[in-house]
Amino acid sequence: MPISSLCEQPESLEVVSVAIGHWAVATAPARIRTLLGSCVGVVLYDRVAHVGGLAHIVLPAARGAVDHPGKYADTAIPALITDLERRLGTKVRPRLIAKLAGGASMFQVNPQANSALHIGQRNQEAIEQLLAELRIPILARDLGGTAGRRLTLDTASGIVTIKVPGGADYEI
């Protein structure tokens, strides 16, 4: 099926938009989407139950902050897993797969500059380390570059579609 067909949405299809620093969980046949720049979108998907979640991660670590868990990799990913398990009423972590997108360098930063300015790369590293610790395999990545992206998860199929401004849609 052409990607353009995947993007056409019947009126009854639920589309959940995820704001910066938040996460959402949905069951098929919904779609979950977000806009990303230096933030990283983490998709966790259960291929058995056709349930997926998306976290829009802003920073790598909460460092004790508890007021906004969706903002940080180390708090958003566990919260997303908890929501997936609550939705299904069972442990799902062994069945989850991950797909990552975003982490762009939205502003020109001197490569020699303080690593704190390379937020996209720091997000990516923190997320990949946490997923490895949780033994959740990353099946696809679309990270880095200099352009933002729109990420859309189709919960019926687990397909993640990426749209870069001025470019064609593609799947990861």
N, C-alpha and C. Protein backbone atom coordinates (compact mmCIF):
# COMPACT_ATOMS: atom_id res chain seq x y z
N MET A 1 0.85 -1.17 0.00
CA MET A 1 0.00 0.00 0.00
C MET A 1 0.90 1.24 0.00
N PRO A 2 0.63 2.20 -0.86
CA PRO A 2 1.45 3.43 -0.87
C PRO A 2 1.32 4.17 0.45
N ILE A 3 2.40 4.84 0.81
CA ILE A 3 2.40 5.58 2.07
C ILE A 3 1.31 6.63 2.07
N SER A 4 1.05 7.26 0.93
CA SER A 4 0.00 8.29 0.89
C SER A 4 -1.34 7.71 1.31
N SER A 5 -1.59 6.41 1.00
CA SER A 5 -2.83 5.79 1.43
C SER A 5 -2.87 5.61 2.93
N LEU A 6 -1.70 5.36 3.52
CA LEU A 6 -1.66 5.21 4.98
C LEU A 6 -1.98 6.51 5.69
N CYS A 7 -1.68 7.64 5.05
CA CYS A 7 -1.88 8.93 5.69
C CYS A 7 -3.32 9.42 5.58
N GLU A 8 -4.10 8.84 4.66
CA GLU A 8 -5.49 9.21 4.56
C GLU A 8 -6.21 8.57 5.73
N GLN A 9 -6.97 9.37 6.47
CA GLN A 9 -7.57 8.87 7.69
C GLN A 9 -9.08 8.93 7.61
N PRO A 10 -9.74 7.78 7.81
CA PRO A 10 -11.19 7.82 7.88
C PRO A 10 -11.63 8.73 9.02
N GLU A 11 -12.81 9.30 8.87
CA GLU A 11 -13.31 10.25 9.87
C GLU A 11 -13.41 9.62 11.26
N SER A 12 -13.67 8.30 11.34
CA SER A 12 -13.86 7.66 12.63
C SER A 12 -12.54 7.26 13.31
N LEU A 13 -11.42 7.38 12.60
CA LEU A 13 -10.14 6.98 13.17
C LEU A 13 -9.69 7.99 14.23
N GLU A 14 -9.39 7.48 15.42
CA GLU A 14 -8.90 8.35 16.49
C GLU A 14 -7.46 8.74 16.21
N VAL A 15 -7.17 10.04 16.30
CA VAL A 15 -5.80 10.53 16.16
C VAL A 15 -5.45 11.24 17.46
N VAL A 16 -4.41 10.75 18.12
CA VAL A 16 -3.98 11.31 19.39
C VAL A 16 -2.71 12.12 19.14
N SER A 17 -2.74 13.39 19.48
CA SER A 17 -1.56 14.24 19.34
C SER A 17 -0.84 14.33 20.68
N VAL A 18 0.48 14.18 20.63
CA VAL A 18 1.29 14.21 21.84
C VAL A 18 2.07 15.52 21.87
N ALA A 19 1.85 16.28 22.91
CA ALA A 19 2.55 17.56 23.08
C ALA A 19 3.96 17.32 23.62
N ILE A 20 4.78 18.32 23.48
CA ILE A 20 6.16 18.26 23.97
C ILE A 20 6.16 17.92 25.46
N GLY A 21 7.00 16.95 25.81
CA GLY A 21 7.13 16.56 27.21
C GLY A 21 5.99 15.70 27.74
N HIS A 22 5.20 15.11 26.86
CA HIS A 22 4.08 14.26 27.28
C HIS A 22 4.19 12.90 26.61
N TRP A 23 3.30 12.00 26.97
CA TRP A 23 3.21 10.70 26.33
C TRP A 23 1.74 10.34 26.20
N ALA A 24 1.47 9.37 25.32
CA ALA A 24 0.11 8.88 25.12
C ALA A 24 0.17 7.40 24.75
N VAL A 25 -0.92 6.70 25.06
CA VAL A 25 -1.08 5.29 24.72
C VAL A 25 -2.41 5.16 23.99
N ALA A 26 -2.43 4.30 22.96
CA ALA A 26 -3.67 4.08 22.22
C ALA A 26 -3.71 2.64 21.70
N THR A 27 -4.92 2.17 21.50
CA THR A 27 -5.18 0.83 20.98
C THR A 27 -5.67 0.95 19.54
N ALA A 28 -5.32 -0.04 18.71
CA ALA A 28 -5.77 -0.06 17.32
C ALA A 28 -7.29 0.11 17.27
N PRO A 29 -7.74 0.90 16.31
CA PRO A 29 -7.11 1.43 15.11
C PRO A 29 -6.69 2.90 15.20
N ALA A 30 -6.22 3.35 16.31
CA ALA A 30 -5.84 4.76 16.46
C ALA A 30 -4.47 5.05 15.87
N ARG A 31 -4.22 6.32 15.68
CA ARG A 31 -2.88 6.80 15.32
C ARG A 31 -2.43 7.77 16.39
N ILE A 32 -1.13 7.75 16.69
CA ILE A 32 -0.55 8.68 17.64
C ILE A 32 0.51 9.47 16.88
N ARG A 33 0.54 10.80 17.09
CA ARG A 33 1.50 11.60 16.34
C ARG A 33 2.07 12.73 17.19
N THR A 34 3.22 13.23 16.72
CA THR A 34 3.86 14.37 17.38
C THR A 34 4.79 15.05 16.39
N LEU A 35 5.16 16.29 16.70
CA LEU A 35 6.15 17.04 15.94
C LEU A 35 7.43 17.09 16.75
N LEU A 36 8.56 16.82 16.09
CA LEU A 36 9.84 16.73 16.78
C LEU A 36 10.88 17.64 16.16
N GLY A 37 11.74 18.19 17.01
CA GLY A 37 12.94 18.91 16.58
C GLY A 37 14.11 18.20 17.24
N SER A 38 14.70 18.84 18.26
CA SER A 38 15.79 18.20 18.99
C SER A 38 15.26 17.15 19.97
N CYS A 39 13.97 17.21 20.26
CA CYS A 39 13.37 16.19 21.12
C CYS A 39 13.38 14.86 20.38
N VAL A 40 13.27 13.77 21.14
CA VAL A 40 13.22 12.44 20.55
C VAL A 40 11.87 11.82 20.85
N GLY A 41 11.25 11.30 19.80
CA GLY A 41 10.01 10.54 19.94
C GLY A 41 10.34 9.09 20.14
N VAL A 42 9.84 8.51 21.22
CA VAL A 42 10.06 7.10 21.53
C VAL A 42 8.73 6.38 21.37
N VAL A 43 8.68 5.48 20.40
CA VAL A 43 7.51 4.64 20.18
C VAL A 43 7.77 3.30 20.82
N LEU A 44 6.85 2.86 21.66
CA LEU A 44 6.87 1.50 22.20
C LEU A 44 5.62 0.82 21.69
N TYR A 45 5.78 -0.38 21.14
CA TYR A 45 4.65 -1.04 20.49
C TYR A 45 4.60 -2.51 20.86
N ASP A 46 3.40 -2.98 21.17
CA ASP A 46 3.14 -4.39 21.45
C ASP A 46 2.47 -4.98 20.22
N ARG A 47 3.22 -5.80 19.47
CA ARG A 47 2.72 -6.36 18.21
C ARG A 47 1.63 -7.41 18.43
N VAL A 48 1.55 -7.98 19.63
CA VAL A 48 0.53 -8.97 19.91
C VAL A 48 -0.82 -8.30 20.16
N ALA A 49 -0.84 -7.28 21.01
CA ALA A 49 -2.08 -6.62 21.40
C ALA A 49 -2.43 -5.43 20.52
N HIS A 50 -1.53 -5.02 19.63
CA HIS A 50 -1.74 -3.84 18.77
C HIS A 50 -2.04 -2.60 19.60
N VAL A 51 -1.20 -2.43 20.61
CA VAL A 51 -1.26 -1.25 21.47
C VAL A 51 0.09 -0.57 21.40
N GLY A 52 0.07 0.75 21.30
CA GLY A 52 1.32 1.47 21.22
C GLY A 52 1.29 2.72 22.06
N GLY A 53 2.47 3.23 22.29
CA GLY A 53 2.61 4.46 23.02
C GLY A 53 3.71 5.30 22.41
N LEU A 54 3.63 6.59 22.67
CA LEU A 54 4.60 7.54 22.15
C LEU A 54 4.93 8.54 23.24
N ALA A 55 6.22 8.69 23.51
CA ALA A 55 6.70 9.70 24.46
C ALA A 55 7.50 10.74 23.68
N HIS A 56 7.23 12.01 23.94
CA HIS A 56 7.93 13.13 23.31
C HIS A 56 8.93 13.66 24.35
N ILE A 57 10.16 13.16 24.26
CA ILE A 57 11.17 13.40 25.29
C ILE A 57 12.00 14.65 24.98
N VAL A 58 12.10 15.53 25.97
CA VAL A 58 12.77 16.81 25.82
C VAL A 58 14.22 16.76 26.31
N LEU A 59 14.44 16.13 27.45
CA LEU A 59 15.76 16.11 28.09
C LEU A 59 16.10 14.69 28.56
N PRO A 60 17.40 14.40 28.68
CA PRO A 60 17.81 13.04 29.03
C PRO A 60 17.47 12.60 30.45
N ALA A 61 17.58 13.47 31.44
CA ALA A 61 17.44 13.01 32.83
C ALA A 61 16.70 14.03 33.68
N ALA A 62 15.83 13.51 34.56
CA ALA A 62 15.04 14.36 35.45
C ALA A 62 15.89 14.94 36.58
N ARG A 63 16.92 14.25 36.98
CA ARG A 63 17.80 14.69 38.07
C ARG A 63 17.00 15.11 39.31
N GLY A 64 16.03 14.26 39.65
CA GLY A 64 15.24 14.50 40.85
C GLY A 64 13.95 15.26 40.63
N ALA A 65 13.75 15.87 39.47
CA ALA A 65 12.50 16.60 39.20
C ALA A 65 11.36 15.59 39.07
N VAL A 66 10.26 15.85 39.75
CA VAL A 66 9.13 14.93 39.70
C VAL A 66 7.86 15.59 39.17
N ASP A 67 7.94 16.87 38.86
CA ASP A 67 6.75 17.61 38.46
C ASP A 67 6.29 17.35 37.03
N HIS A 68 7.16 16.87 36.17
CA HIS A 68 6.81 16.70 34.75
C HIS A 68 7.51 15.46 34.20
N PRO A 69 7.05 14.26 34.57
CA PRO A 69 7.78 13.05 34.19
C PRO A 69 7.87 12.79 32.69
N GLY A 70 6.95 13.31 31.89
CA GLY A 70 6.99 13.09 30.45
C GLY A 70 8.11 13.81 29.74
N LYS A 71 8.72 14.74 30.42
CA LYS A 71 9.75 15.58 29.81
C LYS A 71 11.11 14.88 29.71
N TYR A 72 11.36 13.89 30.56
CA TYR A 72 12.69 13.32 30.70
C TYR A 72 12.72 11.84 30.31
N ALA A 73 13.79 11.42 29.65
CA ALA A 73 13.92 10.03 29.21
C ALA A 73 13.79 9.06 30.37
N ASP A 74 14.48 9.35 31.47
CA ASP A 74 14.52 8.39 32.58
C ASP A 74 13.21 8.29 33.36
N THR A 75 12.28 9.19 33.15
CA THR A 75 10.97 9.09 33.80
C THR A 75 9.85 8.82 32.80
N ALA A 76 9.97 9.33 31.58
CA ALA A 76 8.90 9.16 30.58
C ALA A 76 8.79 7.71 30.11
N ILE A 77 9.91 7.06 29.86
CA ILE A 77 9.85 5.69 29.34
C ILE A 77 9.23 4.74 30.37
N PRO A 78 9.66 4.76 31.64
CA PRO A 78 8.97 3.90 32.62
C PRO A 78 7.48 4.25 32.78
N ALA A 79 7.13 5.53 32.72
CA ALA A 79 5.72 5.92 32.82
C ALA A 79 4.92 5.41 31.63
N LEU A 80 5.52 5.47 30.45
CA LEU A 80 4.86 4.96 29.24
C LEU A 80 4.63 3.45 29.36
N ILE A 81 5.61 2.72 29.84
CA ILE A 81 5.46 1.27 30.03
C ILE A 81 4.35 0.98 31.03
N THR A 82 4.32 1.72 32.13
CA THR A 82 3.27 1.55 33.13
C THR A 82 1.89 1.78 32.52
N ASP A 83 1.74 2.82 31.69
CA ASP A 83 0.45 3.09 31.05
C ASP A 83 0.07 1.97 30.07
N LEU A 84 1.04 1.45 29.32
CA LEU A 84 0.75 0.33 28.42
C LEU A 84 0.27 -0.88 29.21
N GLU A 85 0.93 -1.18 30.32
CA GLU A 85 0.54 -2.32 31.13
C GLU A 85 -0.81 -2.10 31.79
N ARG A 86 -1.09 -0.88 32.21
CA ARG A 86 -2.40 -0.56 32.80
C ARG A 86 -3.50 -0.76 31.75
N ARG A 87 -3.23 -0.34 30.52
CA ARG A 87 -4.21 -0.46 29.45
C ARG A 87 -4.54 -1.93 29.18
N LEU A 88 -3.53 -2.80 29.22
CA LEU A 88 -3.71 -4.20 28.89
C LEU A 88 -3.97 -5.09 30.10
N GLY A 89 -3.69 -4.58 31.30
CA GLY A 89 -3.89 -5.37 32.50
C GLY A 89 -2.89 -6.50 32.66
N THR A 90 -1.74 -6.38 32.00
CA THR A 90 -0.71 -7.42 32.08
C THR A 90 0.66 -6.81 31.81
N LYS A 91 1.69 -7.56 32.15
CA LYS A 91 3.06 -7.12 31.86
C LYS A 91 3.29 -7.22 30.35
N VAL A 92 3.80 -6.15 29.76
CA VAL A 92 4.03 -6.15 28.31
C VAL A 92 5.49 -5.95 27.94
N ARG A 93 6.32 -5.57 28.88
CA ARG A 93 7.70 -5.21 28.53
C ARG A 93 8.41 -6.26 27.69
N PRO A 94 8.26 -7.55 27.97
CA PRO A 94 8.96 -8.54 27.14
C PRO A 94 8.49 -8.55 25.68
N ARG A 95 7.29 -8.02 25.42
CA ARG A 95 6.75 -8.02 24.05
C ARG A 95 6.98 -6.72 23.32
N LEU A 96 7.51 -5.71 23.99
CA LEU A 96 7.64 -4.38 23.38
C LEU A 96 8.82 -4.29 22.42
N ILE A 97 8.60 -3.50 21.38
CA ILE A 97 9.69 -3.10 20.49
C ILE A 97 9.68 -1.57 20.49
N ALA A 98 10.81 -0.98 20.12
CA ALA A 98 10.92 0.48 20.10
C ALA A 98 11.33 0.97 18.72
N LYS A 99 10.87 2.18 18.41
CA LYS A 99 11.32 2.92 17.24
C LYS A 99 11.56 4.35 17.72
N LEU A 100 12.63 4.97 17.21
CA LEU A 100 13.04 6.30 17.66
C LEU A 100 13.13 7.25 16.48
N ALA A 101 12.74 8.50 16.72
CA ALA A 101 12.90 9.53 15.68
C ALA A 101 13.11 10.88 16.36
N GLY A 102 13.76 11.79 15.63
CA GLY A 102 14.00 13.14 16.13
C GLY A 102 15.46 13.35 16.44
N GLY A 103 15.71 14.13 17.46
CA GLY A 103 17.08 14.39 17.89
C GLY A 103 17.87 15.25 16.91
N ALA A 104 17.17 16.12 16.19
CA ALA A 104 17.85 16.96 15.20
C ALA A 104 18.63 18.08 15.89
N SER A 105 19.64 18.57 15.19
CA SER A 105 20.37 19.77 15.62
C SER A 105 19.66 20.94 14.96
N MET A 106 18.75 21.54 15.68
CA MET A 106 17.90 22.58 15.10
C MET A 106 18.62 23.92 14.97
N PHE A 107 19.70 24.08 15.68
CA PHE A 107 20.45 25.33 15.63
C PHE A 107 21.91 24.98 15.36
N GLN A 108 22.59 25.85 14.65
CA GLN A 108 24.00 25.59 14.39
C GLN A 108 24.78 25.71 15.69
N VAL A 109 25.46 24.62 16.02
CA VAL A 109 26.25 24.57 17.24
C VAL A 109 27.66 24.17 16.85
N ASN A 110 28.62 24.89 17.35
CA ASN A 110 30.01 24.56 17.11
C ASN A 110 30.27 23.16 17.66
N PRO A 111 30.84 22.25 16.84
CA PRO A 111 31.09 20.89 17.32
C PRO A 111 31.97 20.85 18.56
N GLN A 112 32.78 21.88 18.77
CA GLN A 112 33.65 21.93 19.94
C GLN A 112 32.92 22.48 21.17
N ALA A 113 31.68 22.93 20.99
CA ALA A 113 30.93 23.56 22.08
C ALA A 113 30.61 22.55 23.18
N ASN A 114 30.24 23.08 24.31
CA ASN A 114 29.82 22.29 25.46
C ASN A 114 28.79 21.26 25.02
N SER A 115 28.94 20.01 25.47
CA SER A 115 28.03 18.94 25.06
C SER A 115 26.59 19.22 25.49
N ALA A 116 26.36 20.11 26.45
CA ALA A 116 25.00 20.44 26.87
C ALA A 116 24.22 21.05 25.72
N LEU A 117 24.91 21.64 24.75
CA LEU A 117 24.22 22.25 23.61
C LEU A 117 23.80 21.22 22.57
N HIS A 118 24.35 20.03 22.63
CA HIS A 118 24.01 18.96 21.69
C HIS A 118 22.89 18.10 22.28
N ILE A 119 21.74 18.72 22.53
CA ILE A 119 20.66 18.08 23.27
C ILE A 119 20.09 16.87 22.53
N GLY A 120 19.97 16.96 21.20
CA GLY A 120 19.44 15.83 20.45
C GLY A 120 20.28 14.59 20.63
N GLN A 121 21.58 14.74 20.56
CA GLN A 121 22.50 13.61 20.72
C GLN A 121 22.45 13.08 22.15
N ARG A 122 22.39 13.97 23.13
CA ARG A 122 22.32 13.54 24.53
C ARG A 122 21.01 12.78 24.80
N ASN A 123 19.91 13.27 24.22
CA ASN A 123 18.63 12.55 24.36
C ASN A 123 18.73 11.15 23.79
N GLN A 124 19.27 11.06 22.58
CA GLN A 124 19.41 9.77 21.91
C GLN A 124 20.22 8.80 22.75
N GLU A 125 21.35 9.23 23.26
CA GLU A 125 22.21 8.36 24.06
C GLU A 125 21.51 7.87 25.32
N ALA A 126 20.82 8.77 26.01
CA ALA A 126 20.12 8.39 27.25
C ALA A 126 19.00 7.39 26.96
N ILE A 127 18.26 7.64 25.90
CA ILE A 127 17.14 6.76 25.55
C ILE A 127 17.66 5.38 25.15
N GLU A 128 18.67 5.33 24.32
CA GLU A 128 19.20 4.04 23.89
C GLU A 128 19.76 3.24 25.06
N GLN A 129 20.43 3.91 25.98
CA GLN A 129 20.96 3.23 27.16
C GLN A 129 19.83 2.66 28.02
N LEU A 130 18.79 3.46 28.26
CA LEU A 130 17.68 3.00 29.08
C LEU A 130 16.95 1.83 28.43
N LEU A 131 16.70 1.91 27.12
CA LEU A 131 16.03 0.81 26.44
C LEU A 131 16.88 -0.46 26.48
N ALA A 132 18.19 -0.32 26.37
CA ALA A 132 19.08 -1.49 26.47
C ALA A 132 18.98 -2.10 27.87
N GLU A 133 18.97 -1.26 28.90
CA GLU A 133 18.84 -1.76 30.27
C GLU A 133 17.51 -2.48 30.48
N LEU A 134 16.45 -1.99 29.83
CA LEU A 134 15.12 -2.59 29.94
C LEU A 134 14.94 -3.78 28.99
N ARG A 135 15.94 -4.03 28.17
CA ARG A 135 15.92 -5.11 27.18
C ARG A 135 14.76 -4.96 26.20
N ILE A 136 14.53 -3.74 25.77
CA ILE A 136 13.53 -3.45 24.74
C ILE A 136 14.31 -3.18 23.45
N PRO A 137 14.15 -4.04 22.45
CA PRO A 137 14.92 -3.86 21.21
C PRO A 137 14.45 -2.65 20.41
N ILE A 138 15.41 -1.95 19.85
CA ILE A 138 15.12 -0.81 18.97
C ILE A 138 15.15 -1.35 17.55
N LEU A 139 13.99 -1.36 16.88
CA LEU A 139 13.90 -1.92 15.54
C LEU A 139 14.20 -0.90 14.46
N ALA A 140 14.04 0.38 14.76
CA ALA A 140 14.28 1.40 13.73
C ALA A 140 14.63 2.73 14.40
N ARG A 141 15.46 3.51 13.66
CA ARG A 141 15.87 4.83 14.13
C ARG A 141 15.84 5.79 12.95
N ASP A 142 15.41 6.99 13.22
CA ASP A 142 15.53 8.09 12.27
C ASP A 142 15.93 9.31 13.10
N LEU A 143 17.22 9.41 13.38
CA LEU A 143 17.72 10.37 14.35
C LEU A 143 18.76 11.29 13.73
N GLY A 144 18.88 12.49 14.31
CA GLY A 144 19.90 13.43 13.90
C GLY A 144 19.44 14.31 12.76
N GLY A 145 20.42 14.81 12.02
CA GLY A 145 20.11 15.72 10.93
C GLY A 145 19.86 17.13 11.45
N THR A 146 19.31 17.95 10.58
CA THR A 146 19.07 19.35 10.95
C THR A 146 17.61 19.77 10.77
N ALA A 147 16.75 18.83 10.40
CA ALA A 147 15.34 19.17 10.16
C ALA A 147 14.44 18.49 11.18
N GLY A 148 13.35 19.18 11.49
CA GLY A 148 12.33 18.59 12.35
C GLY A 148 11.57 17.52 11.59
N ARG A 149 10.71 16.80 12.29
CA ARG A 149 9.95 15.71 11.70
C ARG A 149 8.58 15.62 12.34
N ARG A 150 7.63 15.09 11.57
CA ARG A 150 6.34 14.66 12.13
C ARG A 150 6.39 13.14 12.19
N LEU A 151 6.13 12.58 13.35
CA LEU A 151 6.13 11.13 13.56
C LEU A 151 4.69 10.71 13.78
N THR A 152 4.27 9.64 13.09
CA THR A 152 2.93 9.09 13.27
C THR A 152 3.03 7.58 13.43
N LEU A 153 2.46 7.06 14.52
CA LEU A 153 2.39 5.63 14.77
C LEU A 153 0.99 5.15 14.42
N ASP A 154 0.91 4.14 13.57
CA ASP A 154 -0.35 3.46 13.27
C ASP A 154 -0.42 2.25 14.20
N THR A 155 -1.32 2.29 15.18
CA THR A 155 -1.36 1.22 16.18
C THR A 155 -1.88 -0.10 15.62
N ALA A 156 -2.57 -0.07 14.50
CA ALA A 156 -3.05 -1.32 13.90
C ALA A 156 -1.89 -2.13 13.33
N SER A 157 -0.90 -1.45 12.76
CA SER A 157 0.19 -2.15 12.08
C SER A 157 1.55 -2.02 12.76
N GLY A 158 1.71 -1.01 13.60
CA GLY A 158 3.01 -0.74 14.20
C GLY A 158 3.92 0.07 13.30
N ILE A 159 3.41 0.47 12.14
CA ILE A 159 4.21 1.26 11.20
C ILE A 159 4.34 2.68 11.72
N VAL A 160 5.57 3.18 11.68
CA VAL A 160 5.85 4.57 12.04
C VAL A 160 6.17 5.30 10.73
N THR A 161 5.41 6.36 10.48
CA THR A 161 5.62 7.17 9.29
C THR A 161 6.26 8.48 9.71
N ILE A 162 7.27 8.89 8.95
CA ILE A 162 7.99 10.13 9.21
C ILE A 162 7.75 11.08 8.06
N LYS A 163 7.52 12.34 8.37
CA LYS A 163 7.37 13.39 7.37
C LYS A 163 8.33 14.51 7.74
N VAL A 164 9.27 14.81 6.84
CA VAL A 164 10.18 15.93 7.01
C VAL A 164 9.65 17.06 6.15
N PRO A 165 9.60 18.29 6.66
CA PRO A 165 9.07 19.39 5.84
C PRO A 165 9.75 19.45 4.47
N GLY A 166 8.92 19.52 3.43
CA GLY A 166 9.45 19.60 2.07
C GLY A 166 9.84 18.26 1.48
N GLY A 167 9.70 17.18 2.24
CA GLY A 167 10.09 15.87 1.77
C GLY A 167 8.91 14.92 1.71
N ALA A 168 9.14 13.76 1.17
CA ALA A 168 8.11 12.73 1.08
C ALA A 168 8.00 11.96 2.40
N ASP A 169 6.85 11.37 2.64
CA ASP A 169 6.67 10.50 3.79
C ASP A 169 7.50 9.24 3.60
N TYR A 170 8.01 8.69 4.70
CA TYR A 170 8.70 7.40 4.64
C TYR A 170 8.45 6.66 5.94
N GLU A 171 8.64 5.36 5.90
CA GLU A 171 8.38 4.52 7.05
C GLU A 171 9.69 4.08 7.71
N ILE A 172 9.61 3.93 9.03
CA ILE A 172 10.72 3.32 9.75
C ILE A 172 10.17 2.17 10.56
